[in-house]
PDB file of N, CA and C in Angstrom:
ATOM      1  N   MET A   1      90.614 182.172 172.149  1.00  0.00           N
ATOM      2  CA  MET A   1      90.128 183.567 172.734  1.00  0.00           C
ATOM      3  C   MET A   1      91.102 184.335 173.811  1.00  0.00           C
ATOM      4  N   THR A   2      90.972 185.517 173.566  1.00  0.00           N
ATOM      5  CA  THR A   2      91.749 186.409 174.671  1.00  0.00           C
ATOM      6  C   THR A   2      90.965 186.850 175.783  1.00  0.00           C
ATOM      7  N   PRO A   3      91.674 187.294 176.927  1.00  0.00           N
ATOM      8  CA  PRO A   3      91.060 187.898 177.829  1.00  0.00           C
ATOM      9  C   PRO A   3      90.396 189.217 177.544  1.00  0.00           C
ATOM     10  N   GLU A   4      91.001 190.060 176.526  1.00  0.00           N
ATOM     11  CA  GLU A   4      90.374 191.223 176.139  1.00  0.00           C
ATOM     12  C   GLU A   4      88.814 191.070 175.832  1.00  0.00           C
ATOM     13  N   GLY A   5      89.107 190.374 174.425  1.00  0.00           N
ATOM     14  CA  GLY A   5      87.730 189.806 173.683  1.00  0.00           C
ATOM     15  C   GLY A   5      86.656 189.316 174.829  1.00  0.00           C
ATOM     16  N   LEU A   6      87.195 188.466 175.608  1.00  0.00           N
ATOM     17  CA  LEU A   6      85.963 188.095 176.589  1.00  0.00           C
ATOM     18  C   LEU A   6      85.775 189.338 177.230  1.00  0.00           C
ATOM     19  N   LYS A   7      86.397 190.304 177.989  1.00  0.00           N
ATOM     20  CA  LYS A   7      85.697 191.284 178.489  1.00  0.00           C
ATOM     21  C   LYS A   7      85.346 192.652 177.783  1.00  0.00           C
ATOM     22  N   ASP A   8      85.457 192.480 176.656  1.00  0.00           N
ATOM     23  CA  ASP A   8      84.741 193.277 175.599  1.00  0.00           C
ATOM     24  C   ASP A   8      83.140 193.005 175.629  1.00  0.00           C
ATOM     25  N   LEU A   9      83.085 191.637 175.701  1.00  0.00           N
ATOM     26  CA  LEU A   9      81.936 191.277 175.350  1.00  0.00           C
ATOM     27  C   LEU A   9      80.935 191.280 176.131  1.00  0.00           C
ATOM     28  N   LEU A  10      81.524 191.140 177.803  1.00  0.00           N
ATOM     29  CA  LEU A  10      81.289 191.465 179.143  1.00  0.00           C
ATOM     30  C   LEU A  10      80.582 192.936 179.252  1.00  0.00           C
ATOM     31  N   HIS A  11      81.407 194.291 178.983  1.00  0.00           N
ATOM     32  CA  HIS A  11      81.194 195.206 178.956  1.00  0.00           C
ATOM     33  C   HIS A  11      80.239 195.854 177.702  1.00  0.00           C
ATOM     34  N   LYS A  12      79.880 194.985 177.014  1.00  0.00           N
ATOM     35  CA  LYS A  12      79.059 195.627 175.750  1.00  0.00           C
ATOM     36  C   LYS A  12      77.835 196.311 176.233  1.00  0.00           C
ATOM     37  N   GLN A  13      77.032 197.562 175.987  1.00  0.00           N
ATOM     38  CA  GLN A  13      75.901 198.035 176.398  1.00  0.00           C
ATOM     39  C   GLN A  13      75.023 198.332 175.250  1.00  0.00           C
ATOM     40  N   PRO A  14      73.795 197.386 175.365  1.00  0.00           N
ATOM     41  CA  PRO A  14      73.674 196.845 176.336  1.00  0.00           C
ATOM     42  C   PRO A  14      74.017 195.500 176.192  1.00  0.00           C
ATOM     43  N   PHE A  15      74.194 194.799 177.412  1.00  0.00           N
ATOM     44  CA  PHE A  15      74.687 193.351 177.349  1.00  0.00           C
ATOM     45  C   PHE A  15      74.130 192.488 176.461  1.00  0.00           C
ATOM     46  N   GLU A  16      74.826 191.510 175.679  1.00  0.00           N
ATOM     47  CA  GLU A  16      74.006 190.596 174.461  1.00  0.00           C
ATOM     48  C   GLU A  16      74.429 189.293 175.000  1.00  0.00           C
ATOM     49  N   PRO A  17      73.725 188.085 175.544  1.00  0.00           N
ATOM     50  CA  PRO A  17      73.814 186.999 175.995  1.00  0.00           C
ATOM     51  C   PRO A  17      74.580 186.175 174.733  1.00  0.00           C
ATOM     52  N   PHE A  18      75.411 185.353 175.337  1.00  0.00           N
ATOM     53  CA  PHE A  18      76.334 184.787 173.961  1.00  0.00           C
ATOM     54  C   PHE A  18      76.734 183.247 174.851  1.00  0.00           C
ATOM     55  N   ARG A  19      77.163 182.264 173.801  1.00  0.00           N
ATOM     56  CA  ARG A  19      77.403 180.907 174.135  1.00  0.00           C
ATOM     57  C   ARG A  19      78.959 180.744 173.775  1.00  0.00           C
ATOM     58  N   LEU A  20      79.761 180.311 174.795  1.00  0.00           N
ATOM     59  CA  LEU A  20      81.091 179.895 174.561  1.00  0.00           C
ATOM     60  C   LEU A  20      81.330 178.593 174.179  1.00  0.00           C
ATOM     61  N   VAL A  21      82.254 178.207 172.831  1.00  0.00           N
ATOM     62  CA  VAL A  21      81.827 176.857 172.311  1.00  0.00           C
ATOM     63  C   VAL A  21      83.579 176.672 172.518  1.00  0.00           C
ATOM     64  N   GLN A  22      83.962 175.351 172.715  1.00  0.00           N
ATOM     65  CA  GLN A  22      84.874 174.849 173.153  1.00  0.00           C
ATOM     66  C   GLN A  22      85.450 174.016 172.095  1.00  0.00           C
ATOM     67  N   SER A  23      87.023 173.354 171.995  1.00  0.00           N
ATOM     68  CA  SER A  23      87.533 172.853 170.718  1.00  0.00           C
ATOM     69  C   SER A  23      86.578 171.422 170.852  1.00  0.00           C
ATOM     70  N   ASP A  24      86.405 171.019 171.751  1.00  0.00           N
ATOM     71  CA  ASP A  24      85.653 169.756 171.479  1.00  0.00           C
ATOM     72  C   ASP A  24      83.923 169.898 171.248  1.00  0.00           C
ATOM     73  N   GLY A  25      83.498 171.006 171.110  1.00  0.00           N
ATOM     74  CA  GLY A  25      81.994 171.366 170.564  1.00  0.00           C
ATOM     75  C   GLY A  25      81.230 171.485 172.261  1.00  0.00           C
ATOM     76  N   THR A  26      81.298 171.692 173.111  1.00  0.00           N
ATOM     77  CA  THR A  26      80.748 171.891 174.291  1.00  0.00           C
ATOM     78  C   THR A  26      80.686 173.307 174.299  1.00  0.00           C
ATOM     79  N   GLY A  27      79.491 173.781 174.817  1.00  0.00           N
ATOM     80  CA  GLY A  27      79.160 175.297 174.860  1.00  0.00           C
ATOM     81  C   GLY A  27      78.484 175.317 176.100  1.00  0.00           C
ATOM     82  N   TYR A  28      78.825 176.664 176.646  1.00  0.00           N
ATOM     83  CA  TYR A  28      78.573 177.474 177.841  1.00  0.00           C
ATOM     84  C   TYR A  28      77.729 178.712 177.809  1.00  0.00           C
ATOM     85  N   GLU A  29      76.266 178.912 178.105  1.00  0.00           N
ATOM     86  CA  GLU A  29      76.041 180.166 177.838  1.00  0.00           C
ATOM     87  C   GLU A  29      76.259 181.105 178.975  1.00  0.00           C
ATOM     88  N   VAL A  30      76.461 182.460 178.693  1.00  0.00           N
ATOM     89  CA  VAL A  30      76.757 183.118 179.483  1.00  0.00           C
ATOM     90  C   VAL A  30      75.389 184.213 179.334  1.00  0.00           C
ATOM     91  N   ARG A  31      74.355 184.459 180.124  1.00  0.00           N
ATOM     92  CA  ARG A  31      73.039 185.277 179.938  1.00  0.00           C
ATOM     93  C   ARG A  31      73.329 186.487 180.878  1.00  0.00           C
ATOM     94  N   HIS A  32      73.979 186.438 181.383  1.00  0.00           N
ATOM     95  CA  HIS A  32      74.288 187.865 182.409  1.00  0.00           C
ATOM     96  C   HIS A  32      75.913 187.989 182.526  1.00  0.00           C
ATOM     97  N   PRO A  33      76.386 189.221 182.579  1.00  0.00           N
ATOM     98  CA  PRO A  33      77.744 189.425 182.689  1.00  0.00           C
ATOM     99  C   PRO A  33      78.262 189.032 184.261  1.00  0.00           C
ATOM    100  N   ASP A  34      77.550 188.974 185.076  1.00  0.00           N
ATOM    101  CA  ASP A  34      77.982 188.233 186.514  1.00  0.00           C
ATOM    102  C   ASP A  34      78.336 186.832 186.408  1.00  0.00           C
ATOM    103  N   PHE A  35      77.953 186.041 185.556  1.00  0.00           N
ATOM    104  CA  PHE A  35      78.260 184.798 185.543  1.00  0.00           C
ATOM    105  C   PHE A  35      79.361 184.519 184.536  1.00  0.00           C
ATOM    106  N   LEU A  36      80.388 185.261 184.221  1.00  0.00           N
ATOM    107  CA  LEU A  36      81.598 185.206 183.551  1.00  0.00           C
ATOM    108  C   LEU A  36      82.631 185.793 184.283  1.00  0.00           C
ATOM    109  N   MET A  37      83.774 185.167 184.710  1.00  0.00           N
ATOM    110  CA  MET A  37      84.993 185.750 185.465  1.00  0.00           C
ATOM    111  C   MET A  37      85.950 185.333 184.542  1.00  0.00           C
ATOM    112  N   VAL A  38      86.868 186.449 184.157  1.00  0.00           N
ATOM    113  CA  VAL A  38      87.907 186.317 182.968  1.00  0.00           C
ATOM    114  C   VAL A  38      89.140 186.428 183.806  1.00  0.00           C
ATOM    115  N   GLY A  39      89.973 185.557 183.385  1.00  0.00           N
ATOM    116  CA  GLY A  39      91.564 185.586 183.950  1.00  0.00           C
ATOM    117  C   GLY A  39      92.453 185.570 182.692  1.00  0.00           C
ATOM    118  N   ILE A  40      93.585 185.566 182.896  1.00  0.00           N
ATOM    119  CA  ILE A  40      94.859 185.776 182.250  1.00  0.00           C
ATOM    120  C   ILE A  40      94.556 184.620 181.104  1.00  0.00           C
ATOM    121  N   ARG A  41      94.667 183.151 181.479  1.00  0.00           N
ATOM    122  CA  ARG A  41      94.261 181.928 180.934  1.00  0.00           C
ATOM    123  C   ARG A  41      93.203 181.062 180.865  1.00  0.00           C
ATOM    124  N   GLN A  42      92.270 181.500 181.733  1.00  0.00           N
ATOM    125  CA  GLN A  42      91.244 180.912 181.937  1.00  0.00           C
ATOM    126  C   GLN A  42      89.945 181.613 182.082  1.00  0.00           C
ATOM    127  N   ALA A  43      88.671 181.348 182.035  1.00  0.00           N
ATOM    128  CA  ALA A  43      87.493 181.778 182.700  1.00  0.00           C
ATOM    129  C   ALA A  43      86.696 180.821 183.221  1.00  0.00           C
ATOM    130  N   VAL A  44      85.711 181.548 184.194  1.00  0.00           N
ATOM    131  CA  VAL A  44      85.083 180.779 184.930  1.00  0.00           C
ATOM    132  C   VAL A  44      83.563 181.034 184.602  1.00  0.00           C
ATOM    133  N   VAL A  45      82.890 180.067 184.490  1.00  0.00           N
ATOM    134  CA  VAL A  45      81.498 180.053 184.088  1.00  0.00           C
ATOM    135  C   VAL A  45      80.564 179.767 185.403  1.00  0.00           C
ATOM    136  N   GLY A  46      79.405 180.414 185.412  1.00  0.00           N
ATOM    137  CA  GLY A  46      78.544 180.175 186.388  1.00  0.00           C
ATOM    138  C   GLY A  46      77.497 179.427 185.926  1.00  0.00           C
ATOM    139  N   LEU A  47      77.096 178.534 186.211  1.00  0.00           N
ATOM    140  CA  LEU A  47      76.250 177.667 185.913  1.00  0.00           C
ATOM    141  C   LEU A  47      74.746 178.097 186.717  1.00  0.00           C
ATOM    142  N   PRO A  48      73.768 178.557 185.814  1.00  0.00           N
ATOM    143  CA  PRO A  48      72.123 178.810 186.840  1.00  0.00           C
ATOM    144  C   PRO A  48      71.583 178.047 187.266  1.00  0.00           C
ATOM    145  N   LEU A  49      71.103 178.276 188.078  1.00  0.00           N
ATOM    146  CA  LEU A  49      70.133 177.195 188.837  1.00  0.00           C
ATOM    147  C   LEU A  49      68.659 177.472 187.705  1.00  0.00           C
ATOM    148  N   LYS A  50      68.150 176.058 187.576  1.00  0.00           N
ATOM    149  CA  LYS A  50      67.138 176.254 186.625  1.00  0.00           C
ATOM    150  C   LYS A  50      65.634 176.626 187.355  1.00  0.00           C
ATOM    151  N   SER A  51      65.530 176.586 188.564  1.00  0.00           N
ATOM    152  CA  SER A  51      64.866 177.469 189.614  1.00  0.00           C
ATOM    153  C   SER A  51      64.787 178.729 189.814  1.00  0.00           C
ATOM    154  N   ASP A  52      65.900 179.269 189.661  1.00  0.00           N
ATOM    155  CA  ASP A  52      66.157 180.357 189.859  1.00  0.00           C
ATOM    156  C   ASP A  52      67.429 180.700 189.257  1.00  0.00           C
ATOM    157  N   PRO A  53      67.468 181.597 187.810  1.00  0.00           N
ATOM    158  CA  PRO A  53      68.321 181.661 187.165  1.00  0.00           C
ATOM    159  C   PRO A  53      69.346 183.151 187.431  1.00  0.00           C
ATOM    160  N   THR A  54      68.875 183.734 188.504  1.00  0.00           N
ATOM    161  CA  THR A  54      69.773 184.722 188.838  1.00  0.00           C
ATOM    162  C   THR A  54      70.604 184.380 189.820  1.00  0.00           C
ATOM    163  N   LEU A  55      70.582 183.104 190.545  1.00  0.00           N
ATOM    164  CA  LEU A  55      72.023 182.216 191.336  1.00  0.00           C
ATOM    165  C   LEU A  55      72.503 181.184 190.633  1.00  0.00           C
ATOM    166  N   PHE A  56      73.740 181.085 190.629  1.00  0.00           N
ATOM    167  CA  PHE A  56      74.400 180.148 190.130  1.00  0.00           C
ATOM    168  C   PHE A  56      74.637 178.835 190.831  1.00  0.00           C
ATOM    169  N   ASP A  57      74.339 177.744 190.200  1.00  0.00           N
ATOM    170  CA  ASP A  57      74.435 176.176 191.018  1.00  0.00           C
ATOM    171  C   ASP A  57      75.715 175.390 191.094  1.00  0.00           C
ATOM    172  N   ARG A  58      76.801 176.062 190.219  1.00  0.00           N
ATOM    173  CA  ARG A  58      78.109 175.199 189.871  1.00  0.00           C
ATOM    174  C   ARG A  58      78.851 176.432 189.184  1.00  0.00           C
ATOM    175  N   MET A  59      80.205 175.946 189.055  1.00  0.00           N
ATOM    176  CA  MET A  59      81.064 176.741 187.920  1.00  0.00           C
ATOM    177  C   MET A  59      81.881 175.576 187.271  1.00  0.00           C
ATOM    178  N   VAL A  60      82.312 175.888 186.054  1.00  0.00           N
ATOM    179  CA  VAL A  60      83.278 175.126 185.555  1.00  0.00           C
ATOM    180  C   VAL A  60      84.381 176.255 184.916  1.00  0.00           C
ATOM    181  N   THR A  61      85.488 175.837 185.032  1.00  0.00           N
ATOM    182  CA  THR A  61      86.542 176.431 184.512  1.00  0.00           C
ATOM    183  C   THR A  61      86.906 176.243 183.156  1.00  0.00           C
ATOM    184  N   LEU A  62      86.964 177.338 182.089  1.00  0.00           N
ATOM    185  CA  LEU A  62      87.494 176.973 180.738  1.00  0.00           C
ATOM    186  C   LEU A  62      88.922 177.506 180.596  1.00  0.00           C
ATOM    187  N   ASP A  63      89.678 176.766 179.791  1.00  0.00           N
ATOM    188  CA  ASP A  63      90.890 177.553 179.460  1.00  0.00           C
ATOM    189  C   ASP A  63      90.791 178.271 178.398  1.00  0.00           C
ATOM    190  N   LEU A  64      91.005 179.636 178.050  1.00  0.00           N
ATOM    191  CA  LEU A  64      90.735 180.059 177.079  1.00  0.00           C
ATOM    192  C   LEU A  64      91.312 179.648 175.892  1.00  0.00           C
ATOM    193  N   LEU A  65      92.663 178.838 175.652  1.00  0.00           N
ATOM    194  CA  LEU A  65      92.884 178.316 174.547  1.00  0.00           C
ATOM    195  C   LEU A  65      92.015 177.312 173.794  1.00  0.00           C
ATOM    196  N   HIS A  66      91.106 176.917 174.456  1.00  0.00           N
ATOM    197  CA  HIS A  66      89.866 176.042 173.874  1.00  0.00           C
ATOM    198  C   HIS A  66      88.532 176.884 173.554  1.00  0.00           C
ATOM    199  N   ILE A  67      88.649 178.013 173.714  1.00  0.00           N
ATOM    200  CA  ILE A  67      87.517 178.434 173.249  1.00  0.00           C
ATOM    201  C   ILE A  67      87.469 178.956 171.597  1.00  0.00           C
ATOM    202  N   ASN A  68      86.781 178.059 171.064  1.00  0.00           N
ATOM    203  CA  ASN A  68      87.169 178.446 169.808  1.00  0.00           C
ATOM    204  C   ASN A  68      86.315 179.437 168.768  1.00  0.00           C
ATOM    205  N   ARG A  69      85.034 179.843 169.837  1.00  0.00           N
ATOM    206  CA  ARG A  69      84.271 180.691 169.088  1.00  0.00           C
ATOM    207  C   ARG A  69      83.126 181.301 170.071  1.00  0.00           C
ATOM    208  N   VAL A  70      82.697 182.544 169.553  1.00  0.00           N
ATOM    209  CA  VAL A  70      81.560 182.852 170.549  1.00  0.00           C
ATOM    210  C   VAL A  70      80.119 183.168 169.500  1.00  0.00           C
ATOM    211  N   GLU A  71      78.884 182.424 170.335  1.00  0.00           N
ATOM    212  CA  GLU A  71      77.770 182.354 169.322  1.00  0.00           C
ATOM    213  C   GLU A  71      76.660 183.586 170.177  1.00  0.00           C
ATOM    214  N   PRO A  72      76.224 184.445 169.394  1.00  0.00           N
ATOM    215  CA  PRO A  72      75.170 185.315 170.211  1.00  0.00           C
ATOM    216  C   PRO A  72      74.083 184.196 170.459  1.00  0.00           C
ATOM    217  N   LEU A  73      73.274 184.769 171.665  1.00  0.00           N
ATOM    218  CA  LEU A  73      71.954 183.786 171.839  1.00  0.00           C
ATOM    219  C   LEU A  73      71.044 185.055 171.673  1.00  0.00           C
ATOM    220  N   ALA A  74      70.295 185.047 170.698  1.00  0.00           N
ATOM    221  CA  ALA A  74      69.284 186.003 170.291  1.00  0.00           C
ATOM    222  C   ALA A  74      67.824 185.806 171.599  1.00  0.00           C
ATOM    223  N   HIS A  75      67.561 184.566 171.932  1.00  0.00           N
ATOM    224  CA  HIS A  75      66.873 184.025 172.722  1.00  0.00           C
ATOM    225  C   HIS A  75      67.127 182.993 173.374  1.00  0.00           C
ATOM    226  N   LYS A  76      66.187 182.385 174.454  1.00  0.00           N
ATOM    227  CA  LYS A  76      66.579 181.158 175.105  1.00  0.00           C
ATOM    228  C   LYS A  76      66.352 180.088 173.938  1.00  0.00           C
ATOM    229  N   THR A  77      67.258 179.309 174.300  1.00  0.00           N
ATOM    230  CA  THR A  77      67.425 177.783 173.200  1.00  0.00           C
ATOM    231  C   THR A  77      65.871 177.317 173.349  1.00  0.00           C
ATOM    232  N   LYS A  78      65.135 176.756 172.409  1.00  0.00           N
ATOM    233  CA  LYS A  78      63.798 175.888 172.525  1.00  0.00           C
ATOM    234  C   LYS A  78      64.479 174.449 172.682  1.00  0.00           C
ATOM    235  N   SER A  79      65.620 174.033 172.644  1.00  0.00           N
ATOM    236  CA  SER A  79      65.874 172.755 172.735  1.00  0.00           C
ATOM    237  C   SER A  79      65.918 172.028 174.079  1.00  0.00           C
ATOM    238  N   GLY A  80      66.312 173.106 174.948  1.00  0.00           N
ATOM    239  CA  GLY A  80      66.132 172.695 176.315  1.00  0.00           C
ATOM    240  C   GLY A  80      67.278 172.112 176.824  1.00  0.00           C
ATOM    241  N   LYS A  81      68.583 172.238 176.087  1.00  0.00           N
ATOM    242  CA  LYS A  81      69.680 172.085 176.427  1.00  0.00           C
ATOM    243  C   LYS A  81      70.224 173.058 177.430  1.00  0.00           C
ATOM    244  N   GLN A  82      71.197 172.461 178.465  1.00  0.00           N
ATOM    245  CA  GLN A  82      71.509 173.164 179.163  1.00  0.00           C
ATOM    246  C   GLN A  82      72.872 173.401 179.077  1.00  0.00           C
ATOM    247  N   ASN A  83      73.541 174.395 179.635  1.00  0.00           N
ATOM    248  CA  ASN A  83      75.241 174.694 179.835  1.00  0.00           C
ATOM    249  C   ASN A  83      75.873 173.151 179.752  1.00  0.00           C
ATOM    250  N   GLY A  84      76.960 173.149 178.947  1.00  0.00           N
ATOM    251  CA  GLY A  84      77.638 172.047 179.046  1.00  0.00           C
ATOM    252  C   GLY A  84      77.112 170.806 178.992  1.00  0.00           C
ATOM    253  N   SER A  85      75.635 170.331 178.169  1.00  0.00           N
ATOM    254  CA  SER A  85      75.086 169.471 178.147  1.00  0.00           C
ATOM    255  C   SER A  85      75.541 168.699 176.696  1.00  0.00           C
ATOM    256  N   GLY A  86      76.404 169.305 176.121  1.00  0.00           N
ATOM    257  CA  GLY A  86      76.815 168.261 175.110  1.00  0.00           C
ATOM    258  C   GLY A  86      77.188 169.350 173.644  1.00  0.00           C
ATOM    259  N   LYS A  87      77.278 168.632 172.527  1.00  0.00           N
ATOM    260  CA  LYS A  87      77.418 169.516 171.404  1.00  0.00           C
ATOM    261  C   LYS A  87      76.649 170.766 171.131  1.00  0.00           C
ATOM    262  N   THR A  88      76.708 171.848 170.581  1.00  0.00           N
ATOM    263  CA  THR A  88      76.277 172.758 170.073  1.00  0.00           C
ATOM    264  C   THR A  88      75.961 172.537 168.587  1.00  0.00           C
ATOM    265  N   THR A  89      75.002 172.841 168.226  1.00  0.00           N
ATOM    266  CA  THR A  89      74.350 172.869 166.543  1.00  0.00           C
ATOM    267  C   THR A  89      74.332 174.120 165.721  1.00  0.00           C
TER     268      THR A  89
END
């Protein structure tokens, strides 16, 4: 994934939530543009609190080379899986 590609997703109006899927199958949801910071080689994803999704609890750093695809999130997942909780389906 390129930095420009991620920045385009963040600046899309209206913003559309998405999942970043890594080469090992782990997915990280980005439900608000403030929860993704894009660098030249890496992206930092803020993982929201369950009790207050407007605040992040912790962060993960992803290497852009390992982001294989972006999946749109039409609505909240019913499976209850959280960011980084495992393989995406």
